[in-house]
Amino acid sequence: MKPNTFNICPTCIFRNTCVLTTQKNQVWSCSEYQEGKAEKQVKPIKTKLKKAQPEMAMA
């Protein structure tokens, strides 16, 4: 029997960060699939967290 060679993973924008399966060679259906190129995936914006300042107290 010839294996199914259809695979949607190579065109999914989440391929590099996908945690749904490690076997990405014969996926034909996925609820998280979004077509596109992985290079154009939107990167999260890094924000700097401000450290909490000590509270000022009056003596």
PDB file of N, CA and C in Angstrom:
ATOM      1  N   MET A   1       0.843  -1.187   0.000  1.00  0.00           N
ATOM      2  CA  MET A   1       0.000   0.000   0.000  1.00  0.00           C
ATOM      3  C   MET A   1       0.886   1.248   0.000  1.00  0.00           C
ATOM      4  N   LYS A   2       0.581   2.198  -0.876  1.00  0.00           N
ATOM      5  CA  LYS A   2       1.358   3.422  -0.991  1.00  0.00           C
ATOM      6  C   LYS A   2       0.929   4.406   0.103  1.00  0.00           C
ATOM      7  N   PRO A   3       1.874   4.969   0.875  1.00  0.00           N
ATOM      8  CA  PRO A   3       1.505   5.917   1.927  1.00  0.00           C
ATOM      9  C   PRO A   3       1.001   7.242   1.348  1.00  0.00           C
ATOM     10  N   ASN A   4       0.165   7.911   2.093  1.00  0.00           N
ATOM     11  CA  ASN A   4      -0.360   9.211   1.690  1.00  0.00           C
ATOM     12  C   ASN A   4       0.759  10.240   1.789  1.00  0.00           C
ATOM     13  N   THR A   5       1.047  10.939   0.699  1.00  0.00           N
ATOM     14  CA  THR A   5       2.133  11.915   0.701  1.00  0.00           C
ATOM     15  C   THR A   5       1.637  13.350   0.885  1.00  0.00           C
ATOM     16  N   PHE A   6       0.332  13.545   1.030  1.00  0.00           N
ATOM     17  CA  PHE A   6      -0.214  14.879   1.231  1.00  0.00           C
ATOM     18  C   PHE A   6       0.153  15.359   2.630  1.00  0.00           C
ATOM     19  N   ASN A   7       0.629  16.601   2.733  1.00  0.00           N
ATOM     20  CA  ASN A   7       1.062  17.126   4.026  1.00  0.00           C
ATOM     21  C   ASN A   7       0.843  18.632   4.053  1.00  0.00           C
ATOM     22  N   ILE A   8       0.136  19.137   5.065  1.00  0.00           N
ATOM     23  CA  ILE A   8      -0.121  20.576   5.160  1.00  0.00           C
ATOM     24  C   ILE A   8       0.911  21.310   6.009  1.00  0.00           C
ATOM     25  N   CYS A   9       1.702  20.612   6.776  1.00  0.00           N
ATOM     26  CA  CYS A   9       2.660  21.266   7.680  1.00  0.00           C
ATOM     27  C   CYS A   9       3.666  22.204   7.004  1.00  0.00           C
ATOM     28  N   PRO A  10       4.225  21.863   5.853  1.00  0.00           N
ATOM     29  CA  PRO A  10       5.220  22.763   5.255  1.00  0.00           C
ATOM     30  C   PRO A  10       4.689  24.160   4.925  1.00  0.00           C
ATOM     31  N   THR A  11       3.374  24.310   4.751  1.00  0.00           N
ATOM     32  CA  THR A  11       2.821  25.622   4.409  1.00  0.00           C
ATOM     33  C   THR A  11       2.153  26.298   5.598  1.00  0.00           C
ATOM     34  N   CYS A  12       2.260  25.741   6.776  1.00  0.00           N
ATOM     35  CA  CYS A  12       1.636  26.306   7.976  1.00  0.00           C
ATOM     36  C   CYS A  12       2.563  27.328   8.635  1.00  0.00           C
ATOM     37  N   ILE A  13       1.988  28.460   9.050  1.00  0.00           N
ATOM     38  CA  ILE A  13       2.815  29.496   9.677  1.00  0.00           C
ATOM     39  C   ILE A  13       3.271  29.105  11.082  1.00  0.00           C
ATOM     40  N   PHE A  14       2.661  28.083  11.666  1.00  0.00           N
ATOM     41  CA  PHE A  14       3.014  27.659  13.022  1.00  0.00           C
ATOM     42  C   PHE A  14       3.951  26.450  13.050  1.00  0.00           C
ATOM     43  N   ARG A  15       4.497  26.055  11.901  1.00  0.00           N
ATOM     44  CA  ARG A  15       5.319  24.841  11.825  1.00  0.00           C
ATOM     45  C   ARG A  15       6.456  24.826  12.845  1.00  0.00           C
ATOM     46  N   ASN A  16       7.185  25.919  12.975  1.00  0.00           N
ATOM     47  CA  ASN A  16       8.360  25.939  13.862  1.00  0.00           C
ATOM     48  C   ASN A  16       8.001  25.926  15.343  1.00  0.00           C
ATOM     49  N   THR A  17       6.809  26.364  15.693  1.00  0.00           N
ATOM     50  CA  THR A  17       6.429  26.433  17.102  1.00  0.00           C
ATOM     51  C   THR A  17       5.318  25.461  17.460  1.00  0.00           C
ATOM     52  N   CYS A  18       4.926  24.598  16.537  1.00  0.00           N
ATOM     53  CA  CYS A  18       3.817  23.671  16.746  1.00  0.00           C
ATOM     54  C   CYS A  18       4.143  22.644  17.831  1.00  0.00           C
ATOM     55  N   VAL A  19       3.196  22.471  18.751  1.00  0.00           N
ATOM     56  CA  VAL A  19       3.351  21.465  19.795  1.00  0.00           C
ATOM     57  C   VAL A  19       2.266  20.397  19.698  1.00  0.00           C
ATOM     58  N   LEU A  20       1.452  20.464  18.649  1.00  0.00           N
ATOM     59  CA  LEU A  20       0.360  19.504  18.503  1.00  0.00           C
ATOM     60  C   LEU A  20       0.868  18.121  18.104  1.00  0.00           C
ATOM     61  N   THR A  21       1.922  18.075  17.315  1.00  0.00           N
ATOM     62  CA  THR A  21       2.500  16.794  16.925  1.00  0.00           C
ATOM     63  C   THR A  21       3.978  16.969  16.593  1.00  0.00           C
ATOM     64  N   THR A  22       4.751  15.936  16.857  1.00  0.00           N
ATOM     65  CA  THR A  22       6.158  15.965  16.463  1.00  0.00           C
ATOM     66  C   THR A  22       6.330  15.287  15.114  1.00  0.00           C
ATOM     67  N   GLN A  23       5.319  14.513  14.681  1.00  0.00           N
ATOM     68  CA  GLN A  23       5.367  13.815  13.403  1.00  0.00           C
ATOM     69  C   GLN A  23       4.662  14.666  12.349  1.00  0.00           C
ATOM     70  N   LYS A  24       5.422  15.545  11.714  1.00  0.00           N
ATOM     71  CA  LYS A  24       4.854  16.496  10.756  1.00  0.00           C
ATOM     72  C   LYS A  24       5.014  16.045   9.313  1.00  0.00           C
ATOM     73  N   ASN A  25       5.134  14.753   9.073  1.00  0.00           N
ATOM     74  CA  ASN A  25       5.371  14.291   7.713  1.00  0.00           C
ATOM     75  C   ASN A  25       4.105  13.867   6.961  1.00  0.00           C
ATOM     76  N   GLN A  26       2.980  13.608   7.634  1.00  0.00           N
ATOM     77  CA  GLN A  26       1.767  13.198   6.940  1.00  0.00           C
ATOM     78  C   GLN A  26       0.521  13.788   7.595  1.00  0.00           C
ATOM     79  N   VAL A  27       0.541  15.057   7.900  1.00  0.00           N
ATOM     80  CA  VAL A  27      -0.610  15.720   8.512  1.00  0.00           C
ATOM     81  C   VAL A  27      -1.510  16.252   7.405  1.00  0.00           C
ATOM     82  N   TRP A  28      -2.751  15.828   7.377  1.00  0.00           N
ATOM     83  CA  TRP A  28      -3.666  16.269   6.331  1.00  0.00           C
ATOM     84  C   TRP A  28      -4.809  17.118   6.878  1.00  0.00           C
ATOM     85  N   SER A  29      -4.922  17.217   8.213  1.00  0.00           N
ATOM     86  CA  SER A  29      -5.956  18.038   8.828  1.00  0.00           C
ATOM     87  C   SER A  29      -5.449  18.524  10.182  1.00  0.00           C
ATOM     88  N   CYS A  30      -5.725  19.806  10.479  1.00  0.00           N
ATOM     89  CA  CYS A  30      -5.265  20.377  11.744  1.00  0.00           C
ATOM     90  C   CYS A  30      -6.149  21.565  12.098  1.00  0.00           C
ATOM     91  N   SER A  31      -6.614  21.635  13.330  1.00  0.00           N
ATOM     92  CA  SER A  31      -7.493  22.735  13.749  1.00  0.00           C
ATOM     93  C   SER A  31      -6.735  24.052  13.895  1.00  0.00           C
ATOM     94  N   GLU A  32      -5.412  24.001  13.996  1.00  0.00           N
ATOM     95  CA  GLU A  32      -4.612  25.201  14.172  1.00  0.00           C
ATOM     96  C   GLU A  32      -3.965  25.683  12.875  1.00  0.00           C
ATOM     97  N   TYR A  33      -4.197  24.994  11.774  1.00  0.00           N
ATOM     98  CA  TYR A  33      -3.525  25.283  10.500  1.00  0.00           C
ATOM     99  C   TYR A  33      -3.884  26.663   9.962  1.00  0.00           C
ATOM    100  N   GLN A  34      -2.840  27.421   9.596  1.00  0.00           N
ATOM    101  CA  GLN A  34      -2.998  28.690   8.881  1.00  0.00           C
ATOM    102  C   GLN A  34      -1.943  28.709   7.791  1.00  0.00           C
ATOM    103  N   GLU A  35      -2.418  28.863   6.557  1.00  0.00           N
ATOM    104  CA  GLU A  35      -1.508  28.809   5.421  1.00  0.00           C
ATOM    105  C   GLU A  35      -0.646  30.062   5.335  1.00  0.00           C
ATOM    106  N   GLY A  36       0.580  29.871   4.963  1.00  0.00           N
ATOM    107  CA  GLY A  36       1.518  30.970   4.803  1.00  0.00           C
ATOM    108  C   GLY A  36       2.925  30.435   4.875  1.00  0.00           C
ATOM    109  N   LYS A  37       3.877  31.325   4.838  1.00  0.00           N
ATOM    110  CA  LYS A  37       5.276  30.933   4.954  1.00  0.00           C
ATOM    111  C   LYS A  37       5.741  31.228   6.367  1.00  0.00           C
ATOM    112  N   ALA A  38       6.479  30.310   6.947  1.00  0.00           N
ATOM    113  CA  ALA A  38       6.944  30.447   8.324  1.00  0.00           C
ATOM    114  C   ALA A  38       7.834  31.669   8.515  1.00  0.00           C
ATOM    115  N   GLU A  39       8.556  32.089   7.462  1.00  0.00           N
ATOM    116  CA  GLU A  39       9.443  33.244   7.581  1.00  0.00           C
ATOM    117  C   GLU A  39       8.664  34.527   7.856  1.00  0.00           C
ATOM    118  N   LYS A  40       7.430  34.589   7.394  1.00  0.00           N
ATOM    119  CA  LYS A  40       6.641  35.798   7.554  1.00  0.00           C
ATOM    120  C   LYS A  40       5.769  35.784   8.803  1.00  0.00           C
ATOM    121  N   GLN A  41       5.999  34.825   9.676  1.00  0.00           N
ATOM    122  CA  GLN A  41       5.222  34.734  10.901  1.00  0.00           C
ATOM    123  C   GLN A  41       5.466  35.967  11.757  1.00  0.00           C
ATOM    124  N   VAL A  42       4.409  36.504  12.327  1.00  0.00           N
ATOM    125  CA  VAL A  42       4.523  37.689  13.159  1.00  0.00           C
ATOM    126  C   VAL A  42       5.228  37.310  14.447  1.00  0.00           C
ATOM    127  N   LYS A  43       6.288  38.051  14.745  1.00  0.00           N
ATOM    128  CA  LYS A  43       7.035  37.789  15.968  1.00  0.00           C
ATOM    129  C   LYS A  43       6.427  38.577  17.112  1.00  0.00           C
ATOM    130  N   PRO A  44       6.404  37.989  18.309  1.00  0.00           N
ATOM    131  CA  PRO A  44       5.850  38.722  19.442  1.00  0.00           C
ATOM    132  C   PRO A  44       6.704  39.942  19.786  1.00  0.00           C
ATOM    133  N   ILE A  45       6.064  40.981  20.228  1.00  0.00           N
ATOM    134  CA  ILE A  45       6.760  42.208  20.612  1.00  0.00           C
ATOM    135  C   ILE A  45       7.312  42.018  22.018  1.00  0.00           C
ATOM    136  N   LYS A  46       8.602  42.277  22.159  1.00  0.00           N
ATOM    137  CA  LYS A  46       9.227  42.155  23.472  1.00  0.00           C
ATOM    138  C   LYS A  46       9.002  43.442  24.249  1.00  0.00           C
ATOM    139  N   THR A  47       8.563  43.295  25.478  1.00  0.00           N
ATOM    140  CA  THR A  47       8.369  44.461  26.328  1.00  0.00           C
ATOM    141  C   THR A  47       9.230  44.307  27.570  1.00  0.00           C
ATOM    142  N   LYS A  48       9.730  45.405  28.028  1.00  0.00           N
ATOM    143  CA  LYS A  48      10.543  45.386  29.235  1.00  0.00           C
ATOM    144  C   LYS A  48       9.626  45.606  30.433  1.00  0.00           C
ATOM    145  N   LEU A  49       9.772  44.738  31.422  1.00  0.00           N
ATOM    146  CA  LEU A  49       8.985  44.879  32.628  1.00  0.00           C
ATOM    147  C   LEU A  49       9.724  45.797  33.589  1.00  0.00           C
ATOM    148  N   LYS A  50       9.002  46.731  34.149  1.00  0.00           N
ATOM    149  CA  LYS A  50       9.617  47.624  35.114  1.00  0.00           C
ATOM    150  C   LYS A  50       9.685  46.930  36.463  1.00  0.00           C
ATOM    151  N   LYS A  51      10.825  47.085  37.107  1.00  0.00           N
ATOM    152  CA  LYS A  51      10.977  46.501  38.436  1.00  0.00           C
ATOM    153  C   LYS A  51      10.158  47.315  39.427  1.00  0.00           C
ATOM    154  N   ALA A  52       9.595  46.604  40.368  1.00  0.00           N
ATOM    155  CA  ALA A  52       8.795  47.280  41.385  1.00  0.00           C
ATOM    156  C   ALA A  52       9.698  48.176  42.225  1.00  0.00           C
ATOM    157  N   GLN A  53       9.295  49.420  42.405  1.00  0.00           N
ATOM    158  CA  GLN A  53      10.045  50.369  43.200  1.00  0.00           C
ATOM    159  C   GLN A  53       9.624  50.234  44.668  1.00  0.00           C
ATOM    160  N   PRO A  54      10.566  50.358  45.591  1.00  0.00           N
ATOM    161  CA  PRO A  54      10.204  50.278  47.011  1.00  0.00           C
ATOM    162  C   PRO A  54       9.255  51.437  47.365  1.00  0.00           C
ATOM    163  N   GLU A  55       8.341  51.145  48.229  1.00  0.00           N
ATOM    164  CA  GLU A  55       7.366  52.143  48.627  1.00  0.00           C
ATOM    165  C   GLU A  55       8.005  53.157  49.563  1.00  0.00           C
ATOM    166  N   MET A  56       7.727  54.412  49.342  1.00  0.00           N
ATOM    167  CA  MET A  56       8.279  55.469  50.194  1.00  0.00           C
ATOM    168  C   MET A  56       7.389  55.594  51.431  1.00  0.00           C
ATOM    169  N   ALA A  57       8.018  55.727  52.566  1.00  0.00           N
ATOM    170  CA  ALA A  57       7.258  55.854  53.813  1.00  0.00           C
ATOM    171  C   ALA A  57       7.709  57.119  54.532  1.00  0.00           C
ATOM    172  N   MET A  58       6.766  57.775  55.180  1.00  0.00           N
ATOM    173  CA  MET A  58       7.090  58.980  55.942  1.00  0.00           C
ATOM    174  C   MET A  58       7.284  58.586  57.388  1.00  0.00           C
ATOM    175  N   ALA A  59       8.316  59.133  58.008  1.00  0.00           N
ATOM    176  CA  ALA A  59       8.605  58.797  59.389  1.00  0.00           C
ATOM    177  C   ALA A  59       7.972  59.785  60.329  1.00  0.00           C
TER     178      ALA A  59
END
